[in-house]
């Protein structure tokens, strides 16, 4: 896990960066 990101931020990182989902 990324130590500087919360549990939720770790889960959604790929959705935002790779799949280009909007944050909400």
PDBML (XML) file of the C-alpha atoms, coordinates in Angstrom:
<?xml version="1.0" encoding="UTF-8" ?>
<PDBx:datablock datablockName="MODEL"
   xmlns:PDBx="http://pdbml.pdb.org/schema/pdbx-v50.xsd"
   xmlns:xsi="http://www.w3.org/2001/XMLSchema-instance"
   xsi:schemaLocation="http://pdbml.pdb.org/schema/pdbx-v50.xsd pdbx-v50.xsd">
   <PDBx:atom_siteCategory>
      <PDBx:atom_site id="1">
         <PDBx:B_iso_or_equiv>0.00</PDBx:B_iso_or_equiv>
         <PDBx:Cartn_x>0.000</PDBx:Cartn_x>
         <PDBx:Cartn_y>0.000</PDBx:Cartn_y>
         <PDBx:Cartn_z>0.000</PDBx:Cartn_z>
         <PDBx:auth_asym_id>A</PDBx:auth_asym_id>
         <PDBx:auth_atom_id>CA</PDBx:auth_atom_id>
         <PDBx:auth_comp_id>UNK</PDBx:auth_comp_id>
         <PDBx:auth_seq_id>1</PDBx:auth_seq_id>
         <PDBx:group_PDB>ATOM</PDBx:group_PDB>
         <PDBx:label_alt_id xsi:nil="true" />
         <PDBx:label_asym_id>A</PDBx:label_asym_id>
         <PDBx:label_atom_id>CA</PDBx:label_atom_id>
         <PDBx:label_comp_id>UNK</PDBx:label_comp_id>
         <PDBx:label_entity_id>1</PDBx:label_entity_id>
         <PDBx:label_seq_id>1</PDBx:label_seq_id>
         <PDBx:occupancy>1.00</PDBx:occupancy>
         <PDBx:pdbx_PDB_model_num>1</PDBx:pdbx_PDB_model_num>
         <PDBx:type_symbol>C</PDBx:type_symbol>
      </PDBx:atom_site>
      <PDBx:atom_site id="2">
         <PDBx:B_iso_or_equiv>0.00</PDBx:B_iso_or_equiv>
         <PDBx:Cartn_x>1.012</PDBx:Cartn_x>
         <PDBx:Cartn_y>3.630</PDBx:Cartn_y>
         <PDBx:Cartn_z>-0.450</PDBx:Cartn_z>
         <PDBx:auth_asym_id>A</PDBx:auth_asym_id>
         <PDBx:auth_atom_id>CA</PDBx:auth_atom_id>
         <PDBx:auth_comp_id>UNK</PDBx:auth_comp_id>
         <PDBx:auth_seq_id>2</PDBx:auth_seq_id>
         <PDBx:group_PDB>ATOM</PDBx:group_PDB>
         <PDBx:label_alt_id xsi:nil="true" />
         <PDBx:label_asym_id>A</PDBx:label_asym_id>
         <PDBx:label_atom_id>CA</PDBx:label_atom_id>
         <PDBx:label_comp_id>UNK</PDBx:label_comp_id>
         <PDBx:label_entity_id>1</PDBx:label_entity_id>
         <PDBx:label_seq_id>2</PDBx:label_seq_id>
         <PDBx:occupancy>1.00</PDBx:occupancy>
         <PDBx:pdbx_PDB_model_num>1</PDBx:pdbx_PDB_model_num>
         <PDBx:type_symbol>C</PDBx:type_symbol>
      </PDBx:atom_site>
      <PDBx:atom_site id="3">
         <PDBx:B_iso_or_equiv>0.00</PDBx:B_iso_or_equiv>
         <PDBx:Cartn_x>1.924</PDBx:Cartn_x>
         <PDBx:Cartn_y>4.656</PDBx:Cartn_y>
         <PDBx:Cartn_z>3.142</PDBx:Cartn_z>
         <PDBx:auth_asym_id>A</PDBx:auth_asym_id>
         <PDBx:auth_atom_id>CA</PDBx:auth_atom_id>
         <PDBx:auth_comp_id>UNK</PDBx:auth_comp_id>
         <PDBx:auth_seq_id>3</PDBx:auth_seq_id>
         <PDBx:group_PDB>ATOM</PDBx:group_PDB>
         <PDBx:label_alt_id xsi:nil="true" />
         <PDBx:label_asym_id>A</PDBx:label_asym_id>
         <PDBx:label_atom_id>CA</PDBx:label_atom_id>
         <PDBx:label_comp_id>UNK</PDBx:label_comp_id>
         <PDBx:label_entity_id>1</PDBx:label_entity_id>
         <PDBx:label_seq_id>3</PDBx:label_seq_id>
         <PDBx:occupancy>1.00</PDBx:occupancy>
         <PDBx:pdbx_PDB_model_num>1</PDBx:pdbx_PDB_model_num>
         <PDBx:type_symbol>C</PDBx:type_symbol>
      </PDBx:atom_site>
      <PDBx:atom_site id="4">
         <PDBx:B_iso_or_equiv>0.00</PDBx:B_iso_or_equiv>
         <PDBx:Cartn_x>1.097</PDBx:Cartn_x>
         <PDBx:Cartn_y>8.339</PDBx:Cartn_y>
         <PDBx:Cartn_z>2.557</PDBx:Cartn_z>
         <PDBx:auth_asym_id>A</PDBx:auth_asym_id>
         <PDBx:auth_atom_id>CA</PDBx:auth_atom_id>
         <PDBx:auth_comp_id>UNK</PDBx:auth_comp_id>
         <PDBx:auth_seq_id>4</PDBx:auth_seq_id>
         <PDBx:group_PDB>ATOM</PDBx:group_PDB>
         <PDBx:label_alt_id xsi:nil="true" />
         <PDBx:label_asym_id>A</PDBx:label_asym_id>
         <PDBx:label_atom_id>CA</PDBx:label_atom_id>
         <PDBx:label_comp_id>UNK</PDBx:label_comp_id>
         <PDBx:label_entity_id>1</PDBx:label_entity_id>
         <PDBx:label_seq_id>4</PDBx:label_seq_id>
         <PDBx:occupancy>1.00</PDBx:occupancy>
         <PDBx:pdbx_PDB_model_num>1</PDBx:pdbx_PDB_model_num>
         <PDBx:type_symbol>C</PDBx:type_symbol>
      </PDBx:atom_site>
      <PDBx:atom_site id="5">
         <PDBx:B_iso_or_equiv>0.00</PDBx:B_iso_or_equiv>
         <PDBx:Cartn_x>-2.426</PDBx:Cartn_x>
         <PDBx:Cartn_y>7.643</PDBx:Cartn_y>
         <PDBx:Cartn_z>1.282</PDBx:Cartn_z>
         <PDBx:auth_asym_id>A</PDBx:auth_asym_id>
         <PDBx:auth_atom_id>CA</PDBx:auth_atom_id>
         <PDBx:auth_comp_id>UNK</PDBx:auth_comp_id>
         <PDBx:auth_seq_id>5</PDBx:auth_seq_id>
         <PDBx:group_PDB>ATOM</PDBx:group_PDB>
         <PDBx:label_alt_id xsi:nil="true" />
         <PDBx:label_asym_id>A</PDBx:label_asym_id>
         <PDBx:label_atom_id>CA</PDBx:label_atom_id>
         <PDBx:label_comp_id>UNK</PDBx:label_comp_id>
         <PDBx:label_entity_id>1</PDBx:label_entity_id>
         <PDBx:label_seq_id>5</PDBx:label_seq_id>
         <PDBx:occupancy>1.00</PDBx:occupancy>
         <PDBx:pdbx_PDB_model_num>1</PDBx:pdbx_PDB_model_num>
         <PDBx:type_symbol>C</PDBx:type_symbol>
      </PDBx:atom_site>
      <PDBx:atom_site id="6">
         <PDBx:B_iso_or_equiv>0.00</PDBx:B_iso_or_equiv>
         <PDBx:Cartn_x>-5.514</PDBx:Cartn_x>
         <PDBx:Cartn_y>6.632</PDBx:Cartn_y>
         <PDBx:Cartn_z>3.229</PDBx:Cartn_z>
         <PDBx:auth_asym_id>A</PDBx:auth_asym_id>
         <PDBx:auth_atom_id>CA</PDBx:auth_atom_id>
         <PDBx:auth_comp_id>UNK</PDBx:auth_comp_id>
         <PDBx:auth_seq_id>6</PDBx:auth_seq_id>
         <PDBx:group_PDB>ATOM</PDBx:group_PDB>
         <PDBx:label_alt_id xsi:nil="true" />
         <PDBx:label_asym_id>A</PDBx:label_asym_id>
         <PDBx:label_atom_id>CA</PDBx:label_atom_id>
         <PDBx:label_comp_id>UNK</PDBx:label_comp_id>
         <PDBx:label_entity_id>1</PDBx:label_entity_id>
         <PDBx:label_seq_id>6</PDBx:label_seq_id>
         <PDBx:occupancy>1.00</PDBx:occupancy>
         <PDBx:pdbx_PDB_model_num>1</PDBx:pdbx_PDB_model_num>
         <PDBx:type_symbol>C</PDBx:type_symbol>
      </PDBx:atom_site>
      <PDBx:atom_site id="7">
         <PDBx:B_iso_or_equiv>0.00</PDBx:B_iso_or_equiv>
         <PDBx:Cartn_x>-7.213</PDBx:Cartn_x>
         <PDBx:Cartn_y>3.283</PDBx:Cartn_y>
         <PDBx:Cartn_z>2.778</PDBx:Cartn_z>
         <PDBx:auth_asym_id>A</PDBx:auth_asym_id>
         <PDBx:auth_atom_id>CA</PDBx:auth_atom_id>
         <PDBx:auth_comp_id>UNK</PDBx:auth_comp_id>
         <PDBx:auth_seq_id>7</PDBx:auth_seq_id>
         <PDBx:group_PDB>ATOM</PDBx:group_PDB>
         <PDBx:label_alt_id xsi:nil="true" />
         <PDBx:label_asym_id>A</PDBx:label_asym_id>
         <PDBx:label_atom_id>CA</PDBx:label_atom_id>
         <PDBx:label_comp_id>UNK</PDBx:label_comp_id>
         <PDBx:label_entity_id>1</PDBx:label_entity_id>
         <PDBx:label_seq_id>7</PDBx:label_seq_id>
         <PDBx:occupancy>1.00</PDBx:occupancy>
         <PDBx:pdbx_PDB_model_num>1</PDBx:pdbx_PDB_model_num>
         <PDBx:type_symbol>C</PDBx:type_symbol>
      </PDBx:atom_site>
      <PDBx:atom_site id="8">
         <PDBx:B_iso_or_equiv>0.00</PDBx:B_iso_or_equiv>
         <PDBx:Cartn_x>-9.783</PDBx:Cartn_x>
         <PDBx:Cartn_y>4.849</PDBx:Cartn_y>
         <PDBx:Cartn_z>0.457</PDBx:Cartn_z>
         <PDBx:auth_asym_id>A</PDBx:auth_asym_id>
         <PDBx:auth_atom_id>CA</PDBx:auth_atom_id>
         <PDBx:auth_comp_id>UNK</PDBx:auth_comp_id>
         <PDBx:auth_seq_id>8</PDBx:auth_seq_id>
         <PDBx:group_PDB>ATOM</PDBx:group_PDB>
         <PDBx:label_alt_id xsi:nil="true" />
         <PDBx:label_asym_id>A</PDBx:label_asym_id>
         <PDBx:label_atom_id>CA</PDBx:label_atom_id>
         <PDBx:label_comp_id>UNK</PDBx:label_comp_id>
         <PDBx:label_entity_id>1</PDBx:label_entity_id>
         <PDBx:label_seq_id>8</PDBx:label_seq_id>
         <PDBx:occupancy>1.00</PDBx:occupancy>
         <PDBx:pdbx_PDB_model_num>1</PDBx:pdbx_PDB_model_num>
         <PDBx:type_symbol>C</PDBx:type_symbol>
      </PDBx:atom_site>
      <PDBx:atom_site id="9">
         <PDBx:B_iso_or_equiv>0.00</PDBx:B_iso_or_equiv>
         <PDBx:Cartn_x>-7.134</PDBx:Cartn_x>
         <PDBx:Cartn_y>6.709</PDBx:Cartn_y>
         <PDBx:Cartn_z>-1.543</PDBx:Cartn_z>
         <PDBx:auth_asym_id>A</PDBx:auth_asym_id>
         <PDBx:auth_atom_id>CA</PDBx:auth_atom_id>
         <PDBx:auth_comp_id>UNK</PDBx:auth_comp_id>
         <PDBx:auth_seq_id>9</PDBx:auth_seq_id>
         <PDBx:group_PDB>ATOM</PDBx:group_PDB>
         <PDBx:label_alt_id xsi:nil="true" />
         <PDBx:label_asym_id>A</PDBx:label_asym_id>
         <PDBx:label_atom_id>CA</PDBx:label_atom_id>
         <PDBx:label_comp_id>UNK</PDBx:label_comp_id>
         <PDBx:label_entity_id>1</PDBx:label_entity_id>
         <PDBx:label_seq_id>9</PDBx:label_seq_id>
         <PDBx:occupancy>1.00</PDBx:occupancy>
         <PDBx:pdbx_PDB_model_num>1</PDBx:pdbx_PDB_model_num>
         <PDBx:type_symbol>C</PDBx:type_symbol>
      </PDBx:atom_site>
      <PDBx:atom_site id="10">
         <PDBx:B_iso_or_equiv>0.00</PDBx:B_iso_or_equiv>
         <PDBx:Cartn_x>-5.201</PDBx:Cartn_x>
         <PDBx:Cartn_y>3.462</PDBx:Cartn_y>
         <PDBx:Cartn_z>-2.000</PDBx:Cartn_z>
         <PDBx:auth_asym_id>A</PDBx:auth_asym_id>
         <PDBx:auth_atom_id>CA</PDBx:auth_atom_id>
         <PDBx:auth_comp_id>UNK</PDBx:auth_comp_id>
         <PDBx:auth_seq_id>10</PDBx:auth_seq_id>
         <PDBx:group_PDB>ATOM</PDBx:group_PDB>
         <PDBx:label_alt_id xsi:nil="true" />
         <PDBx:label_asym_id>A</PDBx:label_asym_id>
         <PDBx:label_atom_id>CA</PDBx:label_atom_id>
         <PDBx:label_comp_id>UNK</PDBx:label_comp_id>
         <PDBx:label_entity_id>1</PDBx:label_entity_id>
         <PDBx:label_seq_id>10</PDBx:label_seq_id>
         <PDBx:occupancy>1.00</PDBx:occupancy>
         <PDBx:pdbx_PDB_model_num>1</PDBx:pdbx_PDB_model_num>
         <PDBx:type_symbol>C</PDBx:type_symbol>
      </PDBx:atom_site>
      <PDBx:atom_site id="11">
         <PDBx:B_iso_or_equiv>0.00</PDBx:B_iso_or_equiv>
         <PDBx:Cartn_x>-8.312</PDBx:Cartn_x>
         <PDBx:Cartn_y>1.742</PDBx:Cartn_y>
         <PDBx:Cartn_z>-3.346</PDBx:Cartn_z>
         <PDBx:auth_asym_id>A</PDBx:auth_asym_id>
         <PDBx:auth_atom_id>CA</PDBx:auth_atom_id>
         <PDBx:auth_comp_id>UNK</PDBx:auth_comp_id>
         <PDBx:auth_seq_id>11</PDBx:auth_seq_id>
         <PDBx:group_PDB>ATOM</PDBx:group_PDB>
         <PDBx:label_alt_id xsi:nil="true" />
         <PDBx:label_asym_id>A</PDBx:label_asym_id>
         <PDBx:label_atom_id>CA</PDBx:label_atom_id>
         <PDBx:label_comp_id>UNK</PDBx:label_comp_id>
         <PDBx:label_entity_id>1</PDBx:label_entity_id>
         <PDBx:label_seq_id>11</PDBx:label_seq_id>
         <PDBx:occupancy>1.00</PDBx:occupancy>
         <PDBx:pdbx_PDB_model_num>1</PDBx:pdbx_PDB_model_num>
         <PDBx:type_symbol>C</PDBx:type_symbol>
      </PDBx:atom_site>
      <PDBx:atom_site id="12">
         <PDBx:B_iso_or_equiv>0.00</PDBx:B_iso_or_equiv>
         <PDBx:Cartn_x>-9.296</PDBx:Cartn_x>
         <PDBx:Cartn_y>4.458</PDBx:Cartn_y>
         <PDBx:Cartn_z>-5.825</PDBx:Cartn_z>
         <PDBx:auth_asym_id>A</PDBx:auth_asym_id>
         <PDBx:auth_atom_id>CA</PDBx:auth_atom_id>
         <PDBx:auth_comp_id>UNK</PDBx:auth_comp_id>
         <PDBx:auth_seq_id>12</PDBx:auth_seq_id>
         <PDBx:group_PDB>ATOM</PDBx:group_PDB>
         <PDBx:label_alt_id xsi:nil="true" />
         <PDBx:label_asym_id>A</PDBx:label_asym_id>
         <PDBx:label_atom_id>CA</PDBx:label_atom_id>
         <PDBx:label_comp_id>UNK</PDBx:label_comp_id>
         <PDBx:label_entity_id>1</PDBx:label_entity_id>
         <PDBx:label_seq_id>12</PDBx:label_seq_id>
         <PDBx:occupancy>1.00</PDBx:occupancy>
         <PDBx:pdbx_PDB_model_num>1</PDBx:pdbx_PDB_model_num>
         <PDBx:type_symbol>C</PDBx:type_symbol>
      </PDBx:atom_site>
      <PDBx:atom_site id="13">
         <PDBx:B_iso_or_equiv>0.00</PDBx:B_iso_or_equiv>
         <PDBx:Cartn_x>-5.818</PDBx:Cartn_x>
         <PDBx:Cartn_y>5.372</PDBx:Cartn_y>
         <PDBx:Cartn_z>-7.122</PDBx:Cartn_z>
         <PDBx:auth_asym_id>A</PDBx:auth_asym_id>
         <PDBx:auth_atom_id>CA</PDBx:auth_atom_id>
         <PDBx:auth_comp_id>UNK</PDBx:auth_comp_id>
         <PDBx:auth_seq_id>13</PDBx:auth_seq_id>
         <PDBx:group_PDB>ATOM</PDBx:group_PDB>
         <PDBx:label_alt_id xsi:nil="true" />
         <PDBx:label_asym_id>A</PDBx:label_asym_id>
         <PDBx:label_atom_id>CA</PDBx:label_atom_id>
         <PDBx:label_comp_id>UNK</PDBx:label_comp_id>
         <PDBx:label_entity_id>1</PDBx:label_entity_id>
         <PDBx:label_seq_id>13</PDBx:label_seq_id>
         <PDBx:occupancy>1.00</PDBx:occupancy>
         <PDBx:pdbx_PDB_model_num>1</PDBx:pdbx_PDB_model_num>
         <PDBx:type_symbol>C</PDBx:type_symbol>
      </PDBx:atom_site>
      <PDBx:atom_site id="14">
         <PDBx:B_iso_or_equiv>0.00</PDBx:B_iso_or_equiv>
         <PDBx:Cartn_x>-6.065</PDBx:Cartn_x>
         <PDBx:Cartn_y>3.033</PDBx:Cartn_y>
         <PDBx:Cartn_z>-10.109</PDBx:Cartn_z>
         <PDBx:auth_asym_id>A</PDBx:auth_asym_id>
         <PDBx:auth_atom_id>CA</PDBx:auth_atom_id>
         <PDBx:auth_comp_id>UNK</PDBx:auth_comp_id>
         <PDBx:auth_seq_id>14</PDBx:auth_seq_id>
         <PDBx:group_PDB>ATOM</PDBx:group_PDB>
         <PDBx:label_alt_id xsi:nil="true" />
         <PDBx:label_asym_id>A</PDBx:label_asym_id>
         <PDBx:label_atom_id>CA</PDBx:label_atom_id>
         <PDBx:label_comp_id>UNK</PDBx:label_comp_id>
         <PDBx:label_entity_id>1</PDBx:label_entity_id>
         <PDBx:label_seq_id>14</PDBx:label_seq_id>
         <PDBx:occupancy>1.00</PDBx:occupancy>
         <PDBx:pdbx_PDB_model_num>1</PDBx:pdbx_PDB_model_num>
         <PDBx:type_symbol>C</PDBx:type_symbol>
      </PDBx:atom_site>
      <PDBx:atom_site id="15">
         <PDBx:B_iso_or_equiv>0.00</PDBx:B_iso_or_equiv>
         <PDBx:Cartn_x>-9.581</PDBx:Cartn_x>
         <PDBx:Cartn_y>4.148</PDBx:Cartn_y>
         <PDBx:Cartn_z>-10.976</PDBx:Cartn_z>
         <PDBx:auth_asym_id>A</PDBx:auth_asym_id>
         <PDBx:auth_atom_id>CA</PDBx:auth_atom_id>
         <PDBx:auth_comp_id>UNK</PDBx:auth_comp_id>
         <PDBx:auth_seq_id>15</PDBx:auth_seq_id>
         <PDBx:group_PDB>ATOM</PDBx:group_PDB>
         <PDBx:label_alt_id xsi:nil="true" />
         <PDBx:label_asym_id>A</PDBx:label_asym_id>
         <PDBx:label_atom_id>CA</PDBx:label_atom_id>
         <PDBx:label_comp_id>UNK</PDBx:label_comp_id>
         <PDBx:label_entity_id>1</PDBx:label_entity_id>
         <PDBx:label_seq_id>15</PDBx:label_seq_id>
         <PDBx:occupancy>1.00</PDBx:occupancy>
         <PDBx:pdbx_PDB_model_num>1</PDBx:pdbx_PDB_model_num>
         <PDBx:type_symbol>C</PDBx:type_symbol>
      </PDBx:atom_site>
      <PDBx:atom_site id="16">
         <PDBx:B_iso_or_equiv>0.00</PDBx:B_iso_or_equiv>
         <PDBx:Cartn_x>-8.474</PDBx:Cartn_x>
         <PDBx:Cartn_y>7.780</PDBx:Cartn_y>
         <PDBx:Cartn_z>-11.177</PDBx:Cartn_z>
         <PDBx:auth_asym_id>A</PDBx:auth_asym_id>
         <PDBx:auth_atom_id>CA</PDBx:auth_atom_id>
         <PDBx:auth_comp_id>UNK</PDBx:auth_comp_id>
         <PDBx:auth_seq_id>16</PDBx:auth_seq_id>
         <PDBx:group_PDB>ATOM</PDBx:group_PDB>
         <PDBx:label_alt_id xsi:nil="true" />
         <PDBx:label_asym_id>A</PDBx:label_asym_id>
         <PDBx:label_atom_id>CA</PDBx:label_atom_id>
         <PDBx:label_comp_id>UNK</PDBx:label_comp_id>
         <PDBx:label_entity_id>1</PDBx:label_entity_id>
         <PDBx:label_seq_id>16</PDBx:label_seq_id>
         <PDBx:occupancy>1.00</PDBx:occupancy>
         <PDBx:pdbx_PDB_model_num>1</PDBx:pdbx_PDB_model_num>
         <PDBx:type_symbol>C</PDBx:type_symbol>
      </PDBx:atom_site>
      <PDBx:atom_site id="17">
         <PDBx:B_iso_or_equiv>0.00</PDBx:B_iso_or_equiv>
         <PDBx:Cartn_x>-5.000</PDBx:Cartn_x>
         <PDBx:Cartn_y>7.418</PDBx:Cartn_y>
         <PDBx:Cartn_z>-12.710</PDBx:Cartn_z>
         <PDBx:auth_asym_id>A</PDBx:auth_asym_id>
         <PDBx:auth_atom_id>CA</PDBx:auth_atom_id>
         <PDBx:auth_comp_id>UNK</PDBx:auth_comp_id>
         <PDBx:auth_seq_id>17</PDBx:auth_seq_id>
         <PDBx:group_PDB>ATOM</PDBx:group_PDB>
         <PDBx:label_alt_id xsi:nil="true" />
         <PDBx:label_asym_id>A</PDBx:label_asym_id>
         <PDBx:label_atom_id>CA</PDBx:label_atom_id>
         <PDBx:label_comp_id>UNK</PDBx:label_comp_id>
         <PDBx:label_entity_id>1</PDBx:label_entity_id>
         <PDBx:label_seq_id>17</PDBx:label_seq_id>
         <PDBx:occupancy>1.00</PDBx:occupancy>
         <PDBx:pdbx_PDB_model_num>1</PDBx:pdbx_PDB_model_num>
         <PDBx:type_symbol>C</PDBx:type_symbol>
      </PDBx:atom_site>
      <PDBx:atom_site id="18">
         <PDBx:B_iso_or_equiv>0.00</PDBx:B_iso_or_equiv>
         <PDBx:Cartn_x>-5.479</PDBx:Cartn_x>
         <PDBx:Cartn_y>4.414</PDBx:Cartn_y>
         <PDBx:Cartn_z>-15.009</PDBx:Cartn_z>
         <PDBx:auth_asym_id>A</PDBx:auth_asym_id>
         <PDBx:auth_atom_id>CA</PDBx:auth_atom_id>
         <PDBx:auth_comp_id>UNK</PDBx:auth_comp_id>
         <PDBx:auth_seq_id>18</PDBx:auth_seq_id>
         <PDBx:group_PDB>ATOM</PDBx:group_PDB>
         <PDBx:label_alt_id xsi:nil="true" />
         <PDBx:label_asym_id>A</PDBx:label_asym_id>
         <PDBx:label_atom_id>CA</PDBx:label_atom_id>
         <PDBx:label_comp_id>UNK</PDBx:label_comp_id>
         <PDBx:label_entity_id>1</PDBx:label_entity_id>
         <PDBx:label_seq_id>18</PDBx:label_seq_id>
         <PDBx:occupancy>1.00</PDBx:occupancy>
         <PDBx:pdbx_PDB_model_num>1</PDBx:pdbx_PDB_model_num>
         <PDBx:type_symbol>C</PDBx:type_symbol>
      </PDBx:atom_site>
      <PDBx:atom_site id="19">
         <PDBx:B_iso_or_equiv>0.00</PDBx:B_iso_or_equiv>
         <PDBx:Cartn_x>-9.192</PDBx:Cartn_x>
         <PDBx:Cartn_y>4.331</PDBx:Cartn_y>
         <PDBx:Cartn_z>-15.789</PDBx:Cartn_z>
         <PDBx:auth_asym_id>A</PDBx:auth_asym_id>
         <PDBx:auth_atom_id>CA</PDBx:auth_atom_id>
         <PDBx:auth_comp_id>UNK</PDBx:auth_comp_id>
         <PDBx:auth_seq_id>19</PDBx:auth_seq_id>
         <PDBx:group_PDB>ATOM</PDBx:group_PDB>
         <PDBx:label_alt_id xsi:nil="true" />
         <PDBx:label_asym_id>A</PDBx:label_asym_id>
         <PDBx:label_atom_id>CA</PDBx:label_atom_id>
         <PDBx:label_comp_id>UNK</PDBx:label_comp_id>
         <PDBx:label_entity_id>1</PDBx:label_entity_id>
         <PDBx:label_seq_id>19</PDBx:label_seq_id>
         <PDBx:occupancy>1.00</PDBx:occupancy>
         <PDBx:pdbx_PDB_model_num>1</PDBx:pdbx_PDB_model_num>
         <PDBx:type_symbol>C</PDBx:type_symbol>
      </PDBx:atom_site>
      <PDBx:atom_site id="20">
         <PDBx:B_iso_or_equiv>0.00</PDBx:B_iso_or_equiv>
         <PDBx:Cartn_x>-9.672</PDBx:Cartn_x>
         <PDBx:Cartn_y>8.120</PDBx:Cartn_y>
         <PDBx:Cartn_z>-15.654</PDBx:Cartn_z>
         <PDBx:auth_asym_id>A</PDBx:auth_asym_id>
         <PDBx:auth_atom_id>CA</PDBx:auth_atom_id>
         <PDBx:auth_comp_id>UNK</PDBx:auth_comp_id>
         <PDBx:auth_seq_id>20</PDBx:auth_seq_id>
         <PDBx:group_PDB>ATOM</PDBx:group_PDB>
         <PDBx:label_alt_id xsi:nil="true" />
         <PDBx:label_asym_id>A</PDBx:label_asym_id>
         <PDBx:label_atom_id>CA</PDBx:label_atom_id>
         <PDBx:label_comp_id>UNK</PDBx:label_comp_id>
         <PDBx:label_entity_id>1</PDBx:label_entity_id>
         <PDBx:label_seq_id>20</PDBx:label_seq_id>
         <PDBx:occupancy>1.00</PDBx:occupancy>
         <PDBx:pdbx_PDB_model_num>1</PDBx:pdbx_PDB_model_num>
         <PDBx:type_symbol>C</PDBx:type_symbol>
      </PDBx:atom_site>
      <PDBx:atom_site id="21">
         <PDBx:B_iso_or_equiv>0.00</PDBx:B_iso_or_equiv>
         <PDBx:Cartn_x>-12.750</PDBx:Cartn_x>
         <PDBx:Cartn_y>8.025</PDBx:Cartn_y>
         <PDBx:Cartn_z>-13.419</PDBx:Cartn_z>
         <PDBx:auth_asym_id>A</PDBx:auth_asym_id>
         <PDBx:auth_atom_id>CA</PDBx:auth_atom_id>
         <PDBx:auth_comp_id>UNK</PDBx:auth_comp_id>
         <PDBx:auth_seq_id>21</PDBx:auth_seq_id>
         <PDBx:group_PDB>ATOM</PDBx:group_PDB>
         <PDBx:label_alt_id xsi:nil="true" />
         <PDBx:label_asym_id>A</PDBx:label_asym_id>
         <PDBx:label_atom_id>CA</PDBx:label_atom_id>
         <PDBx:label_comp_id>UNK</PDBx:label_comp_id>
         <PDBx:label_entity_id>1</PDBx:label_entity_id>
         <PDBx:label_seq_id>21</PDBx:label_seq_id>
         <PDBx:occupancy>1.00</PDBx:occupancy>
         <PDBx:pdbx_PDB_model_num>1</PDBx:pdbx_PDB_model_num>
         <PDBx:type_symbol>C</PDBx:type_symbol>
      </PDBx:atom_site>
      <PDBx:atom_site id="22">
         <PDBx:B_iso_or_equiv>0.00</PDBx:B_iso_or_equiv>
         <PDBx:Cartn_x>-13.827</PDBx:Cartn_x>
         <PDBx:Cartn_y>11.307</PDBx:Cartn_y>
         <PDBx:Cartn_z>-11.862</PDBx:Cartn_z>
         <PDBx:auth_asym_id>A</PDBx:auth_asym_id>
         <PDBx:auth_atom_id>CA</PDBx:auth_atom_id>
         <PDBx:auth_comp_id>UNK</PDBx:auth_comp_id>
         <PDBx:auth_seq_id>22</PDBx:auth_seq_id>
         <PDBx:group_PDB>ATOM</PDBx:group_PDB>
         <PDBx:label_alt_id xsi:nil="true" />
         <PDBx:label_asym_id>A</PDBx:label_asym_id>
         <PDBx:label_atom_id>CA</PDBx:label_atom_id>
         <PDBx:label_comp_id>UNK</PDBx:label_comp_id>
         <PDBx:label_entity_id>1</PDBx:label_entity_id>
         <PDBx:label_seq_id>22</PDBx:label_seq_id>
         <PDBx:occupancy>1.00</PDBx:occupancy>
         <PDBx:pdbx_PDB_model_num>1</PDBx:pdbx_PDB_model_num>
         <PDBx:type_symbol>C</PDBx:type_symbol>
      </PDBx:atom_site>
      <PDBx:atom_site id="23">
         <PDBx:B_iso_or_equiv>0.00</PDBx:B_iso_or_equiv>
         <PDBx:Cartn_x>-13.054</PDBx:Cartn_x>
         <PDBx:Cartn_y>11.502</PDBx:Cartn_y>
         <PDBx:Cartn_z>-8.171</PDBx:Cartn_z>
         <PDBx:auth_asym_id>A</PDBx:auth_asym_id>
         <PDBx:auth_atom_id>CA</PDBx:auth_atom_id>
         <PDBx:auth_comp_id>UNK</PDBx:auth_comp_id>
         <PDBx:auth_seq_id>23</PDBx:auth_seq_id>
         <PDBx:group_PDB>ATOM</PDBx:group_PDB>
         <PDBx:label_alt_id xsi:nil="true" />
         <PDBx:label_asym_id>A</PDBx:label_asym_id>
         <PDBx:label_atom_id>CA</PDBx:label_atom_id>
         <PDBx:label_comp_id>UNK</PDBx:label_comp_id>
         <PDBx:label_entity_id>1</PDBx:label_entity_id>
         <PDBx:label_seq_id>23</PDBx:label_seq_id>
         <PDBx:occupancy>1.00</PDBx:occupancy>
         <PDBx:pdbx_PDB_model_num>1</PDBx:pdbx_PDB_model_num>
         <PDBx:type_symbol>C</PDBx:type_symbol>
      </PDBx:atom_site>
      <PDBx:atom_site id="24">
         <PDBx:B_iso_or_equiv>0.00</PDBx:B_iso_or_equiv>
         <PDBx:Cartn_x>-16.645</PDBx:Cartn_x>
         <PDBx:Cartn_y>11.414</PDBx:Cartn_y>
         <PDBx:Cartn_z>-6.890</PDBx:Cartn_z>
         <PDBx:auth_asym_id>A</PDBx:auth_asym_id>
         <PDBx:auth_atom_id>CA</PDBx:auth_atom_id>
         <PDBx:auth_comp_id>UNK</PDBx:auth_comp_id>
         <PDBx:auth_seq_id>24</PDBx:auth_seq_id>
         <PDBx:group_PDB>ATOM</PDBx:group_PDB>
         <PDBx:label_alt_id xsi:nil="true" />
         <PDBx:label_asym_id>A</PDBx:label_asym_id>
         <PDBx:label_atom_id>CA</PDBx:label_atom_id>
         <PDBx:label_comp_id>UNK</PDBx:label_comp_id>
         <PDBx:label_entity_id>1</PDBx:label_entity_id>
         <PDBx:label_seq_id>24</PDBx:label_seq_id>
         <PDBx:occupancy>1.00</PDBx:occupancy>
         <PDBx:pdbx_PDB_model_num>1</PDBx:pdbx_PDB_model_num>
         <PDBx:type_symbol>C</PDBx:type_symbol>
      </PDBx:atom_site>
   </PDBx:atom_siteCategory>
</PDBx:datablock>
